[in-house]
Amino acid sequence: MTYEIVILGSSSYSINIFRLQKQIIRIIMDARSRGSCTEFFKKLKILPFHSQCIISLLLFVVSDKDYHKVNSETHIINTSQNSNL
């Protein structure tokens, strides 16, 4: 599931991947098909797909900071956010 998660996380199929993840969690935990999976994710110490996407994107940006522009390189207006990526 983590293969190319940076790309898949923003695709239209991400909801299908999340639903499949919840279905698998319910099978592992022998739970009802309509119940919430929040506690199961916590109990199994597994991140939901959307959280995995966020972490993967953050790690991608942090590991390649030199390849990304800060706001001050994009525009010349001096704002409080000009040092942000």
C-alpha atoms as a PDB file:
ATOM      1  CA  MET A   1       0.000   0.000   0.000  1.00  0.00           C
ATOM      2  CA  THR A   2       2.908   2.371   0.570  1.00  0.00           C
ATOM      3  CA  TYR A   3       4.249   1.943  -2.960  1.00  0.00           C
ATOM      4  CA  GLU A   4       3.976   5.319  -4.700  1.00  0.00           C
ATOM      5  CA  ILE A   5       1.750   6.611  -1.908  1.00  0.00           C
ATOM      6  CA  VAL A   6       2.838  10.188  -2.627  1.00  0.00           C
ATOM      7  CA  ILE A   7       1.143   9.910  -6.030  1.00  0.00           C
ATOM      8  CA  LEU A   8      -1.758   7.608  -5.121  1.00  0.00           C
ATOM      9  CA  GLY A   9      -2.764   9.651  -2.088  1.00  0.00           C
ATOM     10  CA  SER A  10      -4.122  12.439  -4.229  1.00  0.00           C
ATOM     11  CA  SER A  11      -5.719  10.251  -6.888  1.00  0.00           C
ATOM     12  CA  SER A  12      -9.421   9.602  -7.252  1.00  0.00           C
ATOM     13  CA  TYR A  13      -8.779   5.988  -6.223  1.00  0.00           C
ATOM     14  CA  SER A  14      -7.543   6.899  -2.741  1.00  0.00           C
ATOM     15  CA  ILE A  15     -11.028   6.457  -1.256  1.00  0.00           C
ATOM     16  CA  ASN A  16     -11.146   2.945  -2.704  1.00  0.00           C
ATOM     17  CA  ILE A  17      -7.784   2.145  -1.146  1.00  0.00           C
ATOM     18  CA  PHE A  18      -8.999   3.471   2.219  1.00  0.00           C
ATOM     19  CA  ARG A  19     -12.201   1.412   2.010  1.00  0.00           C
ATOM     20  CA  LEU A  20     -10.174  -1.695   1.191  1.00  0.00           C
ATOM     21  CA  GLN A  21      -7.895  -0.973   4.148  1.00  0.00           C
ATOM     22  CA  LYS A  22     -10.929  -0.710   6.463  1.00  0.00           C
ATOM     23  CA  GLN A  23     -12.380  -3.927   5.048  1.00  0.00           C
ATOM     24  CA  ILE A  24      -9.125  -5.763   5.753  1.00  0.00           C
ATOM     25  CA  ILE A  25      -8.996  -4.327   9.291  1.00  0.00           C
ATOM     26  CA  ARG A  26     -12.550  -5.560   9.914  1.00  0.00           C
ATOM     27  CA  ILE A  27     -11.619  -9.037   8.682  1.00  0.00           C
ATOM     28  CA  ILE A  28      -8.546  -9.144  10.925  1.00  0.00           C
ATOM     29  CA  MET A  29     -10.538  -7.957  13.948  1.00  0.00           C
ATOM     30  CA  ASP A  30     -13.644 -10.050  13.089  1.00  0.00           C
ATOM     31  CA  ALA A  31     -15.813  -6.929  13.333  1.00  0.00           C
ATOM     32  CA  ARG A  32     -19.174  -5.856  11.915  1.00  0.00           C
ATOM     33  CA  SER A  33     -19.134  -4.497   8.407  1.00  0.00           C
ATOM     34  CA  ARG A  34     -20.670  -1.105   9.304  1.00  0.00           C
ATOM     35  CA  GLY A  35     -18.913  -0.318  12.581  1.00  0.00           C
ATOM     36  CA  SER A  36     -16.229   2.309  13.032  1.00  0.00           C
ATOM     37  CA  CYS A  37     -12.634   1.195  12.524  1.00  0.00           C
ATOM     38  CA  THR A  38     -11.000   3.990  14.515  1.00  0.00           C
ATOM     39  CA  GLU A  39     -10.366   1.895  17.612  1.00  0.00           C
ATOM     40  CA  PHE A  40      -9.143  -1.028  15.497  1.00  0.00           C
ATOM     41  CA  PHE A  41      -6.541   1.170  13.829  1.00  0.00           C
ATOM     42  CA  LYS A  42      -5.354   2.299  17.266  1.00  0.00           C
ATOM     43  CA  LYS A  43      -5.363  -1.223  18.694  1.00  0.00           C
ATOM     44  CA  LEU A  44      -3.379  -2.628  15.751  1.00  0.00           C
ATOM     45  CA  LYS A  45      -1.123   0.484  15.664  1.00  0.00           C
ATOM     46  CA  ILE A  46      -1.821   0.995  11.956  1.00  0.00           C
ATOM     47  CA  LEU A  47      -2.185   4.414  10.370  1.00  0.00           C
ATOM     48  CA  PRO A  48      -5.197   5.009   8.123  1.00  0.00           C
ATOM     49  CA  PHE A  49      -4.350   5.521   4.460  1.00  0.00           C
ATOM     50  CA  HIS A  50      -4.859   9.293   4.537  1.00  0.00           C
ATOM     51  CA  SER A  51      -2.505   9.660   7.514  1.00  0.00           C
ATOM     52  CA  GLN A  52       0.097   7.544   5.738  1.00  0.00           C
ATOM     53  CA  CYS A  53      -0.198   9.852   2.721  1.00  0.00           C
ATOM     54  CA  ILE A  54       0.397  12.943   4.844  1.00  0.00           C
ATOM     55  CA  ILE A  55       3.446  11.447   6.555  1.00  0.00           C
ATOM     56  CA  SER A  56       4.887  10.252   3.252  1.00  0.00           C
ATOM     57  CA  LEU A  57       4.459  13.706   1.703  1.00  0.00           C
ATOM     58  CA  LEU A  58       6.093  15.377   4.681  1.00  0.00           C
ATOM     59  CA  LEU A  59       9.031  12.969   4.584  1.00  0.00           C
ATOM     60  CA  PHE A  60       9.364  13.504   0.832  1.00  0.00           C
ATOM     61  CA  VAL A  61       9.518  17.282   1.201  1.00  0.00           C
ATOM     62  CA  VAL A  62      11.893  17.200   4.172  1.00  0.00           C
ATOM     63  CA  SER A  63      14.275  14.741   2.511  1.00  0.00           C
ATOM     64  CA  ASP A  64      14.459  16.863  -0.676  1.00  0.00           C
ATOM     65  CA  LYS A  65      14.300  20.403   0.722  1.00  0.00           C
ATOM     66  CA  ASP A  66      16.858  21.652  -1.799  1.00  0.00           C
ATOM     67  CA  TYR A  67      14.534  20.806  -4.700  1.00  0.00           C
ATOM     68  CA  HIS A  68      11.645  22.921  -3.437  1.00  0.00           C
ATOM     69  CA  LYS A  69      11.350  26.697  -3.608  1.00  0.00           C
ATOM     70  CA  VAL A  70      10.517  28.913  -0.686  1.00  0.00           C
ATOM     71  CA  ASN A  71       7.855  31.579  -1.167  1.00  0.00           C
ATOM     72  CA  SER A  72      10.409  34.378  -1.362  1.00  0.00           C
ATOM     73  CA  GLU A  73      11.876  32.754  -4.500  1.00  0.00           C
ATOM     74  CA  THR A  74       8.446  32.734  -6.151  1.00  0.00           C
ATOM     75  CA  HIS A  75       7.250  36.287  -5.451  1.00  0.00           C
ATOM     76  CA  ILE A  76       8.879  39.480  -4.275  1.00  0.00           C
ATOM     77  CA  ILE A  77       6.227  40.577  -1.792  1.00  0.00           C
ATOM     78  CA  ASN A  78       7.642  40.566   1.721  1.00  0.00           C
ATOM     79  CA  THR A  79       5.158  38.599   3.859  1.00  0.00           C
ATOM     80  CA  SER A  80       5.380  36.659   7.090  1.00  0.00           C
ATOM     81  CA  GLN A  81       5.140  33.432   5.047  1.00  0.00           C
ATOM     82  CA  ASN A  82       7.992  34.194   2.641  1.00  0.00           C
ATOM     83  CA  SER A  83      10.360  31.618   4.177  1.00  0.00           C
ATOM     84  CA  ASN A  84       7.849  28.754   3.935  1.00  0.00           C
ATOM     85  CA  LEU A  85       8.117  26.099   1.246  1.00  0.00           C
END
